[in-house]
Amino acid sequence: MKINKIIYYLATGLFTLVMLFSAGMYFFNHEFIKSAFTSLGYPTYLIYPYATAKLLGLFAIWNPNFKIIKEWAYSAFFFAITLAFFAHIMVNDGGQMTAIIAMVALIVSYIFSKRI
């Protein structure tokens, strides 16, 4: 049981770091993210709402009282990371490795959240 908690917290912590870095970039390096969104073909008005949604999703994942919302947050992150991976593949900018790391951490976190 203890090893399951360790794996869960490591995976969730790694995923949280990736998402916090991403949301931080959205808030504090807006011009860079604006150009990245434009190159990916996304509208730039989504930057701040998307960063806020990431922070709310992280809050839901870490809060043990939000069981149903936690499931929705994992699902939303799964689709967001999948779409980000393919967007980076399509424009060939090298950002897909971060998406792979986030996806692996997300899946491990989800699986081990069910075990603990």
PDB file of N, CA and C in Angstrom:
ATOM      1  N   MET A   1       0.829  -1.204   0.000  1.00  0.00           N
ATOM      2  CA  MET A   1       0.000   0.000   0.000  1.00  0.00           C
ATOM      3  C   MET A   1       0.863   1.254   0.000  1.00  0.00           C
ATOM      4  N   LYS A   2       1.976   1.229   0.740  1.00  0.00           N
ATOM      5  CA  LYS A   2       2.812   2.408   0.830  1.00  0.00           C
ATOM      6  C   LYS A   2       3.475   2.733  -0.521  1.00  0.00           C
ATOM      7  N   ILE A   3       3.886   1.696  -1.254  1.00  0.00           N
ATOM      8  CA  ILE A   3       4.523   1.933  -2.550  1.00  0.00           C
ATOM      9  C   ILE A   3       3.523   2.558  -3.533  1.00  0.00           C
ATOM     10  N   ASN A   4       2.254   2.168  -3.421  1.00  0.00           N
ATOM     11  CA  ASN A   4       1.231   2.761  -4.289  1.00  0.00           C
ATOM     12  C   ASN A   4       1.083   4.253  -4.024  1.00  0.00           C
ATOM     13  N   LYS A   5       1.116   4.644  -2.759  1.00  0.00           N
ATOM     14  CA  LYS A   5       1.016   6.070  -2.423  1.00  0.00           C
ATOM     15  C   LYS A   5       2.228   6.837  -2.922  1.00  0.00           C
ATOM     16  N   ILE A   6       3.402   6.245  -2.790  1.00  0.00           N
ATOM     17  CA  ILE A   6       4.623   6.913  -3.260  1.00  0.00           C
ATOM     18  C   ILE A   6       4.559   7.137  -4.761  1.00  0.00           C
ATOM     19  N   ILE A   7       4.180   6.097  -5.500  1.00  0.00           N
ATOM     20  CA  ILE A   7       4.077   6.217  -6.959  1.00  0.00           C
ATOM     21  C   ILE A   7       3.016   7.248  -7.323  1.00  0.00           C
ATOM     22  N   TYR A   8       1.879   7.217  -6.629  1.00  0.00           N
ATOM     23  CA  TYR A   8       0.814   8.184  -6.905  1.00  0.00           C
ATOM     24  C   TYR A   8       1.306   9.616  -6.693  1.00  0.00           C
ATOM     25  N   TYR A   9       1.937   9.869  -5.553  1.00  0.00           N
ATOM     26  CA  TYR A   9       2.364  11.235  -5.261  1.00  0.00           C
ATOM     27  C   TYR A   9       3.504  11.690  -6.174  1.00  0.00           C
ATOM     28  N   LEU A  10       4.393  10.787  -6.559  1.00  0.00           N
ATOM     29  CA  LEU A  10       5.450  11.161  -7.502  1.00  0.00           C
ATOM     30  C   LEU A  10       4.871  11.498  -8.875  1.00  0.00           C
ATOM     31  N   ALA A  11       3.978  10.653  -9.367  1.00  0.00           N
ATOM     32  CA  ALA A  11       3.379  10.890 -10.688  1.00  0.00           C
ATOM     33  C   ALA A  11       2.514  12.149 -10.675  1.00  0.00           C
ATOM     34  N   THR A  12       1.713  12.308  -9.635  1.00  0.00           N
ATOM     35  CA  THR A  12       0.847  13.482  -9.544  1.00  0.00           C
ATOM     36  C   THR A  12       1.685  14.744  -9.361  1.00  0.00           C
ATOM     37  N   GLY A  13       2.763  14.635  -8.604  1.00  0.00           N
ATOM     38  CA  GLY A  13       3.660  15.778  -8.429  1.00  0.00           C
ATOM     39  C   GLY A  13       4.337  16.178  -9.731  1.00  0.00           C
ATOM     40  N   LEU A  14       4.816  15.196 -10.499  1.00  0.00           N
ATOM     41  CA  LEU A  14       5.432  15.497 -11.794  1.00  0.00           C
ATOM     42  C   LEU A  14       4.413  16.122 -12.734  1.00  0.00           C
ATOM     43  N   PHE A  15       3.217  15.554 -12.772  1.00  0.00           N
ATOM     44  CA  PHE A  15       2.172  16.122 -13.620  1.00  0.00           C
ATOM     45  C   PHE A  15       1.843  17.550 -13.195  1.00  0.00           C
ATOM     46  N   THR A  16       1.759  17.775 -11.901  1.00  0.00           N
ATOM     47  CA  THR A  16       1.460  19.110 -11.374  1.00  0.00           C
ATOM     48  C   THR A  16       2.545  20.100 -11.772  1.00  0.00           C
ATOM     49  N   LEU A  17       3.800  19.683 -11.693  1.00  0.00           N
ATOM     50  CA  LEU A  17       4.895  20.578 -12.093  1.00  0.00           C
ATOM     51  C   LEU A  17       4.789  20.972 -13.564  1.00  0.00           C
ATOM     52  N   VAL A  18       4.487  20.011 -14.412  1.00  0.00           N
ATOM     53  CA  VAL A  18       4.347  20.301 -15.843  1.00  0.00           C
ATOM     54  C   VAL A  18       3.192  21.273 -16.077  1.00  0.00           C
ATOM     55  N   MET A  19       2.065  21.027 -15.427  1.00  0.00           N
ATOM     56  CA  MET A  19       0.905  21.894 -15.615  1.00  0.00           C
ATOM     57  C   MET A  19       1.114  23.281 -15.001  1.00  0.00           C
ATOM     58  N   LEU A  20       1.775  23.345 -13.843  1.00  0.00           N
ATOM     59  CA  LEU A  20       2.062  24.652 -13.242  1.00  0.00           C
ATOM     60  C   LEU A  20       3.035  25.452 -14.097  1.00  0.00           C
ATOM     61  N   PHE A  21       4.027  24.772 -14.668  1.00  0.00           N
ATOM     62  CA  PHE A  21       4.946  25.457 -15.580  1.00  0.00           C
ATOM     63  C   PHE A  21       4.190  25.987 -16.790  1.00  0.00           C
ATOM     64  N   SER A  22       3.310  25.154 -17.324  1.00  0.00           N
ATOM     65  CA  SER A  22       2.516  25.563 -18.482  1.00  0.00           C
ATOM     66  C   SER A  22       1.625  26.753 -18.144  1.00  0.00           C
ATOM     67  N   ALA A  23       0.871  26.661 -17.064  1.00  0.00           N
ATOM     68  CA  ALA A  23      -0.024  27.756 -16.679  1.00  0.00           C
ATOM     69  C   ALA A  23       0.776  29.007 -16.335  1.00  0.00           C
ATOM     70  N   GLY A  24       1.917  28.831 -15.703  1.00  0.00           N
ATOM     71  CA  GLY A  24       2.776  29.978 -15.397  1.00  0.00           C
ATOM     72  C   GLY A  24       3.255  30.680 -16.655  1.00  0.00           C
ATOM     73  N   MET A  25       3.612  29.893 -17.648  1.00  0.00           N
ATOM     74  CA  MET A  25       4.012  30.486 -18.927  1.00  0.00           C
ATOM     75  C   MET A  25       2.839  31.252 -19.545  1.00  0.00           C
ATOM     76  N   TYR A  26       1.646  30.707 -19.434  1.00  0.00           N
ATOM     77  CA  TYR A  26       0.472  31.363 -20.003  1.00  0.00           C
ATOM     78  C   TYR A  26       0.232  32.723 -19.354  1.00  0.00           C
ATOM     79  N   PHE A  27       0.429  32.800 -18.041  1.00  0.00           N
ATOM     80  CA  PHE A  27       0.181  34.047 -17.322  1.00  0.00           C
ATOM     81  C   PHE A  27       1.350  35.032 -17.416  1.00  0.00           C
ATOM     82  N   PHE A  28       2.592  34.543 -17.321  1.00  0.00           N
ATOM     83  CA  PHE A  28       3.729  35.435 -17.150  1.00  0.00           C
ATOM     84  C   PHE A  28       4.600  35.625 -18.388  1.00  0.00           C
ATOM     85  N   ASN A  29       4.386  34.822 -19.420  1.00  0.00           N
ATOM     86  CA  ASN A  29       5.132  34.974 -20.666  1.00  0.00           C
ATOM     87  C   ASN A  29       4.130  34.989 -21.822  1.00  0.00           C
ATOM     88  N   HIS A  30       3.201  35.897 -21.715  1.00  0.00           N
ATOM     89  CA  HIS A  30       2.047  35.918 -22.607  1.00  0.00           C
ATOM     90  C   HIS A  30       2.437  36.087 -24.078  1.00  0.00           C
ATOM     91  N   GLU A  31       3.390  36.936 -24.366  1.00  0.00           N
ATOM     92  CA  GLU A  31       3.752  37.180 -25.772  1.00  0.00           C
ATOM     93  C   GLU A  31       4.320  35.928 -26.439  1.00  0.00           C
ATOM     94  N   PHE A  32       5.138  35.179 -25.720  1.00  0.00           N
ATOM     95  CA  PHE A  32       5.685  33.937 -26.267  1.00  0.00           C
ATOM     96  C   PHE A  32       4.561  32.927 -26.508  1.00  0.00           C
ATOM     97  N   ILE A  33       3.681  32.785 -25.533  1.00  0.00           N
ATOM     98  CA  ILE A  33       2.576  31.842 -25.658  1.00  0.00           C
ATOM     99  C   ILE A  33       1.619  32.284 -26.756  1.00  0.00           C
ATOM    100  N   LYS A  34       1.438  33.585 -26.886  1.00  0.00           N
ATOM    101  CA  LYS A  34       0.574  34.110 -27.951  1.00  0.00           C
ATOM    102  C   LYS A  34       1.106  33.697 -29.323  1.00  0.00           C
ATOM    103  N   SER A  35       2.410  33.810 -29.528  1.00  0.00           N
ATOM    104  CA  SER A  35       2.991  33.397 -30.812  1.00  0.00           C
ATOM    105  C   SER A  35       2.920  31.884 -30.990  1.00  0.00           C
ATOM    106  N   ALA A  36       3.079  31.135 -29.887  1.00  0.00           N
ATOM    107  CA  ALA A  36       2.969  29.678 -29.969  1.00  0.00           C
ATOM    108  C   ALA A  36       1.539  29.263 -30.318  1.00  0.00           C
ATOM    109  N   PHE A  37       0.560  29.896 -29.699  1.00  0.00           N
ATOM    110  CA  PHE A  37      -0.838  29.594 -30.017  1.00  0.00           C
ATOM    111  C   PHE A  37      -1.135  29.922 -31.473  1.00  0.00           C
ATOM    112  N   THR A  38      -0.616  31.036 -31.949  1.00  0.00           N
ATOM    113  CA  THR A  38      -0.843  31.425 -33.338  1.00  0.00           C
ATOM    114  C   THR A  38      -0.223  30.403 -34.289  1.00  0.00           C
ATOM    115  N   SER A  39       0.993  29.933 -33.975  1.00  0.00           N
ATOM    116  CA  SER A  39       1.642  28.955 -34.848  1.00  0.00           C
ATOM    117  C   SER A  39       0.920  27.609 -34.825  1.00  0.00           C
ATOM    118  N   LEU A  40       0.277  27.297 -33.708  1.00  0.00           N
ATOM    119  CA  LEU A  40      -0.482  26.051 -33.621  1.00  0.00           C
ATOM    120  C   LEU A  40      -1.881  26.183 -34.224  1.00  0.00           C
ATOM    121  N   GLY A  41      -2.296  27.416 -34.529  1.00  0.00           N
ATOM    122  CA  GLY A  41      -3.597  27.643 -35.127  1.00  0.00           C
ATOM    123  C   GLY A  41      -4.716  27.824 -34.118  1.00  0.00           C
ATOM    124  N   TYR A  42      -4.363  28.078 -32.854  1.00  0.00           N
ATOM    125  CA  TYR A  42      -5.368  28.285 -31.810  1.00  0.00           C
ATOM    126  C   TYR A  42      -5.644  29.768 -31.643  1.00  0.00           C
ATOM    127  N   PRO A  43      -6.859  30.129 -31.274  1.00  0.00           N
ATOM    128  CA  PRO A  43      -7.158  31.541 -31.001  1.00  0.00           C
ATOM    129  C   PRO A  43      -6.487  31.978 -29.695  1.00  0.00           C
ATOM    130  N   THR A  44      -5.954  33.184 -29.692  1.00  0.00           N
ATOM    131  CA  THR A  44      -5.195  33.651 -28.534  1.00  0.00           C
ATOM    132  C   THR A  44      -6.073  34.054 -27.359  1.00  0.00           C
ATOM    133  N   TYR A  45      -7.363  34.247 -27.585  1.00  0.00           N
ATOM    134  CA  TYR A  45      -8.236  34.605 -26.463  1.00  0.00           C
ATOM    135  C   TYR A  45      -8.446  33.431 -25.506  1.00  0.00           C
ATOM    136  N   LEU A  46      -7.995  32.243 -25.864  1.00  0.00           N
ATOM    137  CA  LEU A  46      -8.119  31.077 -24.994  1.00  0.00           C
ATOM    138  C   LEU A  46      -7.004  30.961 -23.960  1.00  0.00           C
ATOM    139  N   ILE A  47      -5.975  31.778 -24.069  1.00  0.00           N
ATOM    140  CA  ILE A  47      -4.790  31.600 -23.227  1.00  0.00           C
ATOM    141  C   ILE A  47      -5.124  31.703 -21.742  1.00  0.00           C
ATOM    142  N   TYR A  48      -5.729  32.792 -21.315  1.00  0.00           N
ATOM    143  CA  TYR A  48      -6.007  32.966 -19.886  1.00  0.00           C
ATOM    144  C   TYR A  48      -7.080  32.003 -19.362  1.00  0.00           C
ATOM    145  N   PRO A  49      -8.183  31.792 -20.079  1.00  0.00           N
ATOM    146  CA  PRO A  49      -9.153  30.800 -19.579  1.00  0.00           C
ATOM    147  C   PRO A  49      -8.564  29.388 -19.501  1.00  0.00           C
ATOM    148  N   TYR A  50      -7.707  29.039 -20.460  1.00  0.00           N
ATOM    149  CA  TYR A  50      -7.093  27.709 -20.466  1.00  0.00           C
ATOM    150  C   TYR A  50      -6.142  27.554 -19.278  1.00  0.00           C
ATOM    151  N   ALA A  51      -5.371  28.578 -18.987  1.00  0.00           N
ATOM    152  CA  ALA A  51      -4.469  28.531 -17.835  1.00  0.00           C
ATOM    153  C   ALA A  51      -5.261  28.418 -16.537  1.00  0.00           C
ATOM    154  N   THR A  52      -6.359  29.151 -16.444  1.00  0.00           N
ATOM    155  CA  THR A  52      -7.210  29.080 -15.256  1.00  0.00           C
ATOM    156  C   THR A  52      -7.832  27.694 -15.116  1.00  0.00           C
ATOM    157  N   ALA A  53      -8.262  27.115 -16.223  1.00  0.00           N
ATOM    158  CA  ALA A  53      -8.839  25.768 -16.193  1.00  0.00           C
ATOM    159  C   ALA A  53      -7.803  24.739 -15.740  1.00  0.00           C
ATOM    160  N   LYS A  54      -6.559  24.911 -16.160  1.00  0.00           N
ATOM    161  CA  LYS A  54      -5.503  24.002 -15.713  1.00  0.00           C
ATOM    162  C   LYS A  54      -5.318  24.089 -14.205  1.00  0.00           C
ATOM    163  N   LEU A  55      -5.317  25.288 -13.667  1.00  0.00           N
ATOM    164  CA  LEU A  55      -5.156  25.456 -12.223  1.00  0.00           C
ATOM    165  C   LEU A  55      -6.341  24.861 -11.463  1.00  0.00           C
ATOM    166  N   LEU A  56      -7.542  25.077 -11.959  1.00  0.00           N
ATOM    167  CA  LEU A  56      -8.728  24.496 -11.317  1.00  0.00           C
ATOM    168  C   LEU A  56      -8.708  22.967 -11.401  1.00  0.00           C
ATOM    169  N   GLY A  57      -8.250  22.438 -12.513  1.00  0.00           N
ATOM    170  CA  GLY A  57      -8.140  20.989 -12.661  1.00  0.00           C
ATOM    171  C   GLY A  57      -7.129  20.393 -11.694  1.00  0.00           C
ATOM    172  N   LEU A  58      -6.016  21.089 -11.505  1.00  0.00           N
ATOM    173  CA  LEU A  58      -5.030  20.623 -10.529  1.00  0.00           C
ATOM    174  C   LEU A  58      -5.598  20.650  -9.122  1.00  0.00           C
ATOM    175  N   PHE A  59      -6.346  21.691  -8.812  1.00  0.00           N
ATOM    176  CA  PHE A  59      -6.989  21.772  -7.500  1.00  0.00           C
ATOM    177  C   PHE A  59      -7.939  20.592  -7.297  1.00  0.00           C
ATOM    178  N   ALA A  60      -8.689  20.252  -8.323  1.00  0.00           N
ATOM    179  CA  ALA A  60      -9.632  19.132  -8.227  1.00  0.00           C
ATOM    180  C   ALA A  60      -8.902  17.802  -8.059  1.00  0.00           C
ATOM    181  N   ILE A  61      -7.793  17.640  -8.750  1.00  0.00           N
ATOM    182  CA  ILE A  61      -7.042  16.382  -8.647  1.00  0.00           C
ATOM    183  C   ILE A  61      -6.440  16.210  -7.249  1.00  0.00           C
ATOM    184  N   TRP A  62      -5.967  17.284  -6.671  1.00  0.00           N
ATOM    185  CA  TRP A  62      -5.332  17.190  -5.362  1.00  0.00           C
ATOM    186  C   TRP A  62      -6.321  17.179  -4.203  1.00  0.00           C
ATOM    187  N   ASN A  63      -7.562  17.586  -4.440  1.00  0.00           N
ATOM    188  CA  ASN A  63      -8.540  17.655  -3.362  1.00  0.00           C
ATOM    189  C   ASN A  63      -9.266  16.309  -3.235  1.00  0.00           C
ATOM    190  N   PRO A  64      -9.127  15.629  -2.088  1.00  0.00           N
ATOM    191  CA  PRO A  64      -9.759  14.308  -1.948  1.00  0.00           C
ATOM    192  C   PRO A  64     -11.280  14.360  -1.830  1.00  0.00           C
ATOM    193  N   ASN A  65     -11.860  15.523  -1.606  1.00  0.00           N
ATOM    194  CA  ASN A  65     -13.315  15.631  -1.447  1.00  0.00           C
ATOM    195  C   ASN A  65     -14.059  15.715  -2.782  1.00  0.00           C
ATOM    196  N   PHE A  66     -13.351  15.956  -3.852  1.00  0.00           N
ATOM    197  CA  PHE A  66     -13.977  16.143  -5.165  1.00  0.00           C
ATOM    198  C   PHE A  66     -13.859  14.873  -6.006  1.00  0.00           C
ATOM    199  N   LYS A  67     -14.548  13.819  -5.641  1.00  0.00           N
ATOM    200  CA  LYS A  67     -14.389  12.543  -6.352  1.00  0.00           C
ATOM    201  C   LYS A  67     -14.889  12.606  -7.800  1.00  0.00           C
ATOM    202  N   ILE A  68     -16.079  13.121  -8.009  1.00  0.00           N
ATOM    203  CA  ILE A  68     -16.625  13.173  -9.370  1.00  0.00           C
ATOM    204  C   ILE A  68     -15.913  14.241 -10.191  1.00  0.00           C
ATOM    205  N   ILE A  69     -15.656  15.379  -9.593  1.00  0.00           N
ATOM    206  CA  ILE A  69     -14.950  16.444 -10.315  1.00  0.00           C
ATOM    207  C   ILE A  69     -13.528  16.011 -10.648  1.00  0.00           C
ATOM    208  N   LYS A  70     -12.928  15.204  -9.778  1.00  0.00           N
ATOM    209  CA  LYS A  70     -11.585  14.681 -10.032  1.00  0.00           C
ATOM    210  C   LYS A  70     -11.580  13.821 -11.296  1.00  0.00           C
ATOM    211  N   GLU A  71     -12.605  12.997 -11.473  1.00  0.00           N
ATOM    212  CA  GLU A  71     -12.718  12.176 -12.683  1.00  0.00           C
ATOM    213  C   GLU A  71     -12.814  13.059 -13.932  1.00  0.00           C
ATOM    214  N   TRP A  72     -13.615  14.104 -13.841  1.00  0.00           N
ATOM    215  CA  TRP A  72     -13.753  15.037 -14.961  1.00  0.00           C
ATOM    216  C   TRP A  72     -12.434  15.746 -15.242  1.00  0.00           C
ATOM    217  N   ALA A  73     -11.707  16.100 -14.196  1.00  0.00           N
ATOM    218  CA  ALA A  73     -10.425  16.783 -14.380  1.00  0.00           C
ATOM    219  C   ALA A  73      -9.417  15.866 -15.071  1.00  0.00           C
ATOM    220  N   TYR A  74      -9.351  14.613 -14.631  1.00  0.00           N
ATOM    221  CA  TYR A  74      -8.454  13.660 -15.302  1.00  0.00           C
ATOM    222  C   TYR A  74      -8.837  13.510 -16.771  1.00  0.00           C
ATOM    223  N   SER A  75     -10.129  13.417 -17.037  1.00  0.00           N
ATOM    224  CA  SER A  75     -10.603  13.281 -18.415  1.00  0.00           C
ATOM    225  C   SER A  75     -10.241  14.509 -19.252  1.00  0.00           C
ATOM    226  N   ALA A  76     -10.486  15.679 -18.705  1.00  0.00           N
ATOM    227  CA  ALA A  76     -10.184  16.913 -19.436  1.00  0.00           C
ATOM    228  C   ALA A  76      -8.691  17.033 -19.710  1.00  0.00           C
ATOM    229  N   PHE A  77      -7.871  16.697 -18.719  1.00  0.00           N
ATOM    230  CA  PHE A  77      -6.426  16.739 -18.929  1.00  0.00           C
ATOM    231  C   PHE A  77      -5.992  15.725 -19.987  1.00  0.00           C
ATOM    232  N   PHE A  78      -6.621  14.550 -19.991  1.00  0.00           N
ATOM    233  CA  PHE A  78      -6.286  13.540 -20.996  1.00  0.00           C
ATOM    234  C   PHE A  78      -6.521  14.073 -22.407  1.00  0.00           C
ATOM    235  N   PHE A  79      -7.696  14.659 -22.622  1.00  0.00           N
ATOM    236  CA  PHE A  79      -7.991  15.180 -23.953  1.00  0.00           C
ATOM    237  C   PHE A  79      -7.130  16.394 -24.294  1.00  0.00           C
ATOM    238  N   ALA A  80      -6.872  17.256 -23.325  1.00  0.00           N
ATOM    239  CA  ALA A  80      -6.045  18.435 -23.582  1.00  0.00           C
ATOM    240  C   ALA A  80      -4.621  18.036 -23.960  1.00  0.00           C
ATOM    241  N   ILE A  81      -4.077  17.055 -23.259  1.00  0.00           N
ATOM    242  CA  ILE A  81      -2.708  16.617 -23.553  1.00  0.00           C
ATOM    243  C   ILE A  81      -2.653  15.888 -24.886  1.00  0.00           C
ATOM    244  N   THR A  82      -3.660  15.076 -25.171  1.00  0.00           N
ATOM    245  CA  THR A  82      -3.703  14.388 -26.464  1.00  0.00           C
ATOM    246  C   THR A  82      -3.744  15.391 -27.611  1.00  0.00           C
ATOM    247  N   LEU A  83      -4.601  16.394 -27.495  1.00  0.00           N
ATOM    248  CA  LEU A  83      -4.689  17.417 -28.544  1.00  0.00           C
ATOM    249  C   LEU A  83      -3.402  18.234 -28.641  1.00  0.00           C
ATOM    250  N   ALA A  84      -2.787  18.532 -27.496  1.00  0.00           N
ATOM    251  CA  ALA A  84      -1.521  19.270 -27.516  1.00  0.00           C
ATOM    252  C   ALA A  84      -0.430  18.451 -28.198  1.00  0.00           C
ATOM    253  N   PHE A  85      -0.382  17.163 -27.910  1.00  0.00           N
ATOM    254  CA  PHE A  85       0.614  16.291 -28.538  1.00  0.00           C
ATOM    255  C   PHE A  85       0.489  16.334 -30.059  1.00  0.00           C
ATOM    256  N   PHE A  86      -0.729  16.138 -30.551  1.00  0.00           N
ATOM    257  CA  PHE A  86      -0.907  16.123 -32.003  1.00  0.00           C
ATOM    258  C   PHE A  86      -0.717  17.502 -32.625  1.00  0.00           C
ATOM    259  N   ALA A  87      -1.048  18.560 -31.910  1.00  0.00           N
ATOM    260  CA  ALA A  87      -0.801  19.901 -32.434  1.00  0.00           C
ATOM    261  C   ALA A  87       0.695  20.139 -32.596  1.00  0.00           C
ATOM    262  N   HIS A  88       1.478  19.719 -31.610  1.00  0.00           N
ATOM    263  CA  HIS A  88       2.933  19.886 -31.703  1.00  0.00           C
ATOM    264  C   HIS A  88       3.533  18.990 -32.788  1.00  0.00           C
ATOM    265  N   ILE A  89       2.972  17.811 -32.973  1.00  0.00           N
ATOM    266  CA  ILE A  89       3.432  16.932 -34.062  1.00  0.00           C
ATOM    267  C   ILE A  89       3.162  17.584 -35.416  1.00  0.00           C
ATOM    268  N   MET A  90       1.976  18.172 -35.564  1.00  0.00           N
ATOM    269  CA  MET A  90       1.589  18.744 -36.859  1.00  0.00           C
ATOM    270  C   MET A  90       2.455  19.932 -37.249  1.00  0.00           C
ATOM    271  N   VAL A  91       2.866  20.757 -36.282  1.00  0.00           N
ATOM    272  CA  VAL A  91       3.702  21.904 -36.625  1.00  0.00           C
ATOM    273  C   VAL A  91       5.187  21.597 -36.459  1.00  0.00           C
ATOM    274  N   ASN A  92       5.501  20.418 -35.923  1.00  0.00           N
ATOM    275  CA  ASN A  92       6.875  19.933 -35.798  1.00  0.00           C
ATOM    276  C   ASN A  92       7.767  20.934 -35.059  1.00  0.00           C
ATOM    277  N   ASP A  93       7.323  21.330 -33.869  1.00  0.00           N
ATOM    278  CA  ASP A  93       8.109  22.292 -33.090  1.00  0.00           C
ATOM    279  C   ASP A  93       8.845  21.665 -31.909  1.00  0.00           C
ATOM    280  N   GLY A  94       8.734  20.358 -31.730  1.00  0.00           N
ATOM    281  CA  GLY A  94       9.461  19.672 -30.674  1.00  0.00           C
ATOM    282  C   GLY A  94       8.787  19.688 -29.318  1.00  0.00           C
ATOM    283  N   GLY A  95       7.607  20.223 -29.213  1.00  0.00           N
ATOM    284  CA  GLY A  95       6.910  20.294 -27.932  1.00  0.00           C
ATOM    285  C   GLY A  95       6.209  19.017 -27.527  1.00  0.00           C
ATOM    286  N   GLN A  96       6.284  17.992 -28.373  1.00  0.00           N
ATOM    287  CA  GLN A  96       5.549  16.772 -28.081  1.00  0.00           C
ATOM    288  C   GLN A  96       6.149  15.966 -26.930  1.00  0.00           C
ATOM    289  N   MET A  97       7.425  16.142 -26.619  1.00  0.00           N
ATOM    290  CA  MET A  97       8.025  15.393 -25.503  1.00  0.00           C
ATOM    291  C   MET A  97       7.417  15.806 -24.170  1.00  0.00           C
ATOM    292  N   THR A  98       7.145  17.074 -23.997  1.00  0.00           N
ATOM    293  CA  THR A  98       6.496  17.524 -22.772  1.00  0.00           C
ATOM    294  C   THR A  98       5.103  16.920 -22.655  1.00  0.00           C
ATOM    295  N   ALA A  99       4.414  16.824 -23.773  1.00  0.00           N
ATOM    296  CA  ALA A  99       3.081  16.211 -23.769  1.00  0.00           C
ATOM    297  C   ALA A  99       3.173  14.728 -23.419  1.00  0.00           C
ATOM    298  N   ILE A 100       4.185  14.046 -23.904  1.00  0.00           N
ATOM    299  CA  ILE A 100       4.358  12.622 -23.582  1.00  0.00           C
ATOM    300  C   ILE A 100       4.635  12.440 -22.096  1.00  0.00           C
ATOM    301  N   ILE A 101       5.517  13.266 -21.551  1.00  0.00           N
ATOM    302  CA  ILE A 101       5.829  13.194 -20.116  1.00  0.00           C
ATOM    303  C   ILE A 101       4.576  13.461 -19.292  1.00  0.00           C
ATOM    304  N   ALA A 102       3.833  14.485 -19.671  1.00  0.00           N
ATOM    305  CA  ALA A 102       2.602  14.809 -18.945  1.00  0.00           C
ATOM    306  C   ALA A 102       1.591  13.678 -19.055  1.00  0.00           C
ATOM    307  N   MET A 103       1.471  13.062 -20.227  1.00  0.00           N
ATOM    308  CA  MET A 103       0.499  11.986 -20.410  1.00  0.00           C
ATOM    309  C   MET A 103       0.864  10.759 -19.576  1.00  0.00           C
ATOM    310  N   VAL A 104       2.126  10.388 -19.580  1.00  0.00           N
ATOM    311  CA  VAL A 104       2.553   9.243 -18.772  1.00  0.00           C
ATOM    312  C   VAL A 104       2.294   9.511 -17.295  1.00  0.00           C
ATOM    313  N   ALA A 105       2.665  10.707 -16.828  1.00  0.00           N
ATOM    314  CA  ALA A 105       2.441  11.060 -15.424  1.00  0.00           C
ATOM    315  C   ALA A 105       0.947  11.071 -15.106  1.00  0.00           C
ATOM    316  N   LEU A 106       0.133  11.584 -16.017  1.00  0.00           N
ATOM    317  CA  LEU A 106      -1.318  11.630 -15.802  1.00  0.00           C
ATOM    318  C   LEU A 106      -1.907  10.228 -15.696  1.00  0.00           C
ATOM    319  N   ILE A 107      -1.519   9.348 -16.595  1.00  0.00           N
ATOM    320  CA  ILE A 107      -2.058   7.980 -16.592  1.00  0.00           C
ATOM    321  C   ILE A 107      -1.627   7.229 -15.331  1.00  0.00           C
ATOM    322  N   VAL A 108      -0.355   7.360 -14.966  1.00  0.00           N
ATOM    323  CA  VAL A 108       0.132   6.699 -13.739  1.00  0.00           C
ATOM    324  C   VAL A 108      -0.590   7.271 -12.525  1.00  0.00           C
ATOM    325  N   SER A 109      -0.756   8.578 -12.479  1.00  0.00           N
ATOM    326  CA  SER A 109      -1.467   9.212 -11.375  1.00  0.00           C
ATOM    327  C   SER A 109      -2.899   8.702 -11.280  1.00  0.00           C
ATOM    328  N   TYR A 110      -3.567   8.600 -12.397  1.00  0.00           N
ATOM    329  CA  TYR A 110      -4.959   8.126 -12.400  1.00  0.00           C
ATOM    330  C   TYR A 110      -5.060   6.685 -11.926  1.00  0.00           C
ATOM    331  N   ILE A 111      -4.201   5.830 -12.456  1.00  0.00           N
ATOM    332  CA  ILE A 111      -4.239   4.417 -12.086  1.00  0.00           C
ATOM    333  C   ILE A 111      -3.974   4.247 -10.586  1.00  0.00           C
ATOM    334  N   PHE A 112      -2.970   4.940 -10.093  1.00  0.00           N
ATOM    335  CA  PHE A 112      -2.619   4.763  -8.687  1.00  0.00           C
ATOM    336  C   PHE A 112      -3.549   5.528  -7.755  1.00  0.00           C
ATOM    337  N   SER A 113      -4.293   6.491  -8.264  1.00  0.00           N
ATOM    338  CA  SER A 113      -5.306   7.126  -7.407  1.00  0.00           C
ATOM    339  C   SER A 113      -6.431   6.140  -7.112  1.00  0.00           C
ATOM    340  N   LYS A 114      -6.659   5.207  -8.011  1.00  0.00           N
ATOM    341  CA  LYS A 114      -7.675   4.183  -7.795  1.00  0.00           C
ATOM    342  C   LYS A 114      -7.191   3.111  -6.814  1.00  0.00           C
ATOM    343  N   ARG A 115      -5.886   2.931  -6.726  1.00  0.00           N
ATOM    344  CA  ARG A 115      -5.327   1.892  -5.864  1.00  0.00           C
ATOM    345  C   ARG A 115      -5.180   2.303  -4.411  1.00  0.00           C
ATOM    346  N   ILE A 116      -5.122   3.618  -4.181  1.00  0.00           N
ATOM    347  CA  ILE A 116      -4.919   4.046  -2.773  1.00  0.00           C
ATOM    348  C   ILE A 116      -6.233   4.428  -2.126  1.00  0.00           C
TER     349      ILE A 116
END
